[in-house]
Every structure is written in structure tokens, then in C-alpha cells.
Protein backbone atom coordinates (compact mmCIF):
# COMPACT_ATOMS: atom_id res chain seq x y z
CA MET A 1 0.29 -0.05 0.10
CA GLN A 2 1.32 3.30 -1.04
CA THR A 3 2.42 5.93 1.72
CA TYR A 4 1.91 9.39 2.19
CA ASP A 5 3.95 11.93 3.24
CA THR A 6 2.37 15.18 2.23
CA ILE A 7 -1.53 15.37 2.95
CA LEU A 8 -3.40 18.40 2.65
CA VAL A 9 -6.70 18.45 4.58
CA PRO A 10 -9.14 21.50 3.77
CA ILE A 11 -11.62 21.94 5.73
CA ASP A 12 -14.20 24.50 6.71
CA VAL A 13 -13.71 25.43 10.33
CA TYR A 14 -17.51 26.76 10.58
CA SER A 15 -18.88 23.19 9.99
CA ASP A 16 -18.45 19.87 11.03
CA TYR A 17 -14.76 18.85 10.08
CA GLU A 18 -13.79 16.68 12.85
CA LEU A 19 -14.16 13.59 10.66
CA VAL A 20 -12.50 14.71 7.97
CA VAL A 21 -9.06 15.48 9.89
CA GLU A 22 -9.41 12.35 11.92
CA LYS A 23 -9.30 9.83 8.39
CA ALA A 24 -6.61 12.24 7.74
CA LEU A 25 -4.82 11.58 10.51
CA ALA A 26 -5.44 8.04 10.53
CA ILE A 27 -3.88 7.82 7.52
CA ALA A 28 -0.80 9.68 8.36
CA ASN A 29 1.83 8.30 10.02
CA ASP A 30 2.63 11.41 12.00
CA SER A 31 0.55 14.79 12.64
CA LYS A 32 3.12 16.89 11.18
CA GLN A 33 2.71 15.62 7.65
CA LEU A 34 -0.79 17.56 7.60
CA HIS A 35 -1.37 20.69 6.01
CA LEU A 36 -4.97 22.59 7.11
CA LEU A 37 -6.67 24.31 4.56
CA TYR A 38 -9.33 26.96 4.88
CA VAL A 39 -10.55 29.01 1.82
CA ALA A 40 -12.93 31.54 2.29
CA TYR A 41 -14.45 33.76 -0.37
CA PRO A 42 -13.34 37.46 -1.07
CA GLN A 43 -15.91 39.67 1.17
CA THR A 44 -16.57 43.35 -0.38
CA HIS A 45 -19.18 45.66 0.70
CA VAL A 46 -20.16 48.59 -1.09
CA GLU A 47 -21.83 51.64 0.79
CA PRO A 48 -25.56 52.59 -1.10
CA TYR A 49 -24.47 56.38 -0.56
CA GLY A 50 -20.67 56.35 -1.65
CA PHE A 51 -18.98 57.09 1.61
CA PHE A 52 -16.99 54.44 1.48
CA LEU A 53 -17.30 53.23 -1.75
CA GLU A 54 -16.00 49.96 -1.32
CA LYS A 55 -14.15 48.33 1.92
CA ASP A 56 -12.66 44.96 1.12
CA PHE A 57 -12.88 42.57 4.23
CA SER A 58 -10.89 39.38 2.72
CA GLU A 59 -8.08 40.40 5.69
CA ASP A 60 -10.82 40.09 8.84
CA VAL A 61 -11.76 37.26 7.31
CA ARG A 62 -8.70 36.12 7.02
CA ALA A 63 -7.22 36.88 10.24
CA GLN A 64 -10.71 35.20 11.87
CA ALA A 65 -10.08 32.05 9.47
CA LEU A 66 -6.55 31.56 10.92
CA GLU A 67 -7.47 32.53 14.53
CA ALA A 68 -9.86 29.37 14.23
CA LEU A 69 -7.70 27.12 12.21
CA ASN A 70 -5.22 27.56 14.59
CA GLU A 71 -7.29 25.85 17.08
CA VAL A 72 -7.89 22.78 14.78
CA ALA A 73 -4.13 22.37 14.73
CA THR A 74 -3.37 22.77 18.02
CA LYS A 75 -6.39 20.37 19.06
CA TYR A 76 -4.81 17.77 16.84
CA LYS A 77 -1.36 18.60 17.48
CA ILE A 78 -0.32 19.82 13.75
CA PRO A 79 2.33 22.43 13.24
CA GLN A 80 1.25 26.28 12.97
CA THR A 81 3.65 26.57 10.42
CA ASN A 82 1.29 23.89 8.03
CA VAL A 83 -2.18 26.04 8.79
CA ASN A 84 -2.99 28.08 5.70
CA VAL A 85 -5.46 30.45 5.28
CA GLU A 86 -6.11 31.56 1.20
CA ILE A 87 -9.16 33.93 -0.40
CA GLY A 88 -10.42 32.79 -3.28
CA SER A 89 -12.30 29.90 -5.22
CA PRO A 90 -11.74 26.60 -3.52
CA SER A 91 -11.09 24.22 -5.83
CA ASP A 92 -8.39 26.77 -7.40
CA GLU A 93 -6.65 27.26 -4.04
CA ILE A 94 -6.83 23.54 -3.10
CA HIS A 95 -5.09 22.77 -6.18
CA HIS A 96 -2.75 25.49 -6.10
CA LEU A 97 -1.55 24.61 -2.63
CA ALA A 98 -1.74 20.55 -3.34
CA GLU A 99 1.42 21.67 -6.20
CA LYS A 100 3.21 24.03 -4.04
CA LEU A 101 3.27 21.45 -1.30
CA ASN A 102 3.76 18.45 -3.86
CA ALA A 103 0.93 16.44 -1.66
CA ASP A 104 0.78 12.99 -1.93
CA LEU A 105 -2.82 13.14 -1.14
CA ILE A 106 -6.39 15.22 -0.68
CA VAL A 107 -8.53 14.48 2.03
CA VAL A 108 -11.42 16.37 1.79
CA GLY A 109 -15.23 16.66 3.30
CA THR A 110 -18.08 15.75 1.19
CA HIS A 111 -21.99 16.39 2.00
CA GLY A 112 -23.56 17.33 -1.55
CA GLN A 113 -27.25 16.92 -1.52
CA SER A 114 -28.58 15.92 -5.47
CA GLY A 115 -27.58 15.25 -8.58
CA LEU A 116 -23.71 14.64 -8.53
CA LYS A 117 -23.71 16.83 -5.80
CA LEU A 118 -25.17 13.92 -4.21
CA LEU A 119 -22.31 11.57 -4.65
CA LEU A 120 -19.57 14.05 -4.07
CA GLY A 121 -20.12 17.66 -3.27
CA SER A 122 -19.58 21.06 -5.86
CA THR A 123 -16.03 21.76 -3.79
CA ALA A 124 -15.42 17.87 -3.78
CA ASN A 125 -16.19 17.05 -7.42
CA ALA A 126 -14.29 20.53 -8.56
CA VAL A 127 -11.28 19.36 -6.31
CA LEU A 128 -11.25 16.31 -8.51
CA HIS A 129 -10.87 18.03 -11.97
CA GLY A 130 -8.11 19.09 -12.67
CA VAL A 131 -5.69 17.24 -9.64
CA LYS A 132 -2.62 15.74 -10.17
CA THR A 133 -2.99 13.59 -6.86
CA ASP A 134 -5.26 11.25 -4.88
CA VAL A 135 -8.27 12.50 -3.52
CA LEU A 136 -10.22 10.57 -0.04
CA ALA A 137 -13.57 12.08 0.27
CA VAL A 138 -15.23 11.72 2.95
CA LYS A 139 -18.67 11.40 4.18
CA VAL A 140 -19.77 14.01 6.72
């Protein structure tokens, strides 16, 4: 059986992620092999009267998500250096980080509701397309 040295675990820190992290830990020889990732959508607010035409909340979102993800890392003894927060499209950011880390495996949660999404979920389905590594989809 193939062993995995670098495992990327994209999670939503504001949803059920425990099973995904636990499955990744069960596969890894050491929690240091795991790299956590949270991807947030860009947050922009436009004022209706134009006083502050546009405010980018991305850094606020990044800071809050990083704090939550660091708590997850501490709970599972994953090094803080293996914690990543990105702003953008989830599947694009997962692909980018997997390539950057030269990940052997991506462990992603899925809870799709209908059609193909019932099988995988929209993010998990998008991750599978164009990825160059193994993917484990965990039903949450």
C-alpha cells in the first residue's frame, strides 16, 4: 500500500470538519504530515451612498479563519506552520496549494445534496477535476 508523506486537508472551520481531520490523521504516520487549509470567498461591501465606495473585508476574514484554524491545529497537534488560509475559489486554492506542497493526498469532506453533488459535493467534485494527486472524499 502506498504511503503518503504530505497530506492536504482543506476544511471549513465553521462546519463539521472533525471526521475529515481524523481520517487524515489515521492515514498519516505523524500529524506533522498534515497541512490544513481554509478557503474563504472574497468579502467586499459597497456603501449605498458612496461615502466609502468599497471596503475589502478579506483581511478580517483571513484573521478570523486563521485563529479558528490554529485552534484546530493545536487540538490535533498539527504544526502552526502547516496552517493555511487563502481567499478565492476553493477548488482553485486547493489545487494551487496541493501543487505548491507537492501533496501526495488531498482529504476533503463532502456533503452534497443532489445529482452529482449527492455523490461528492460541489467542492469535492471540483477538486477532482484537474488534480494530479490522490483524493479521499470523506462523507460528513
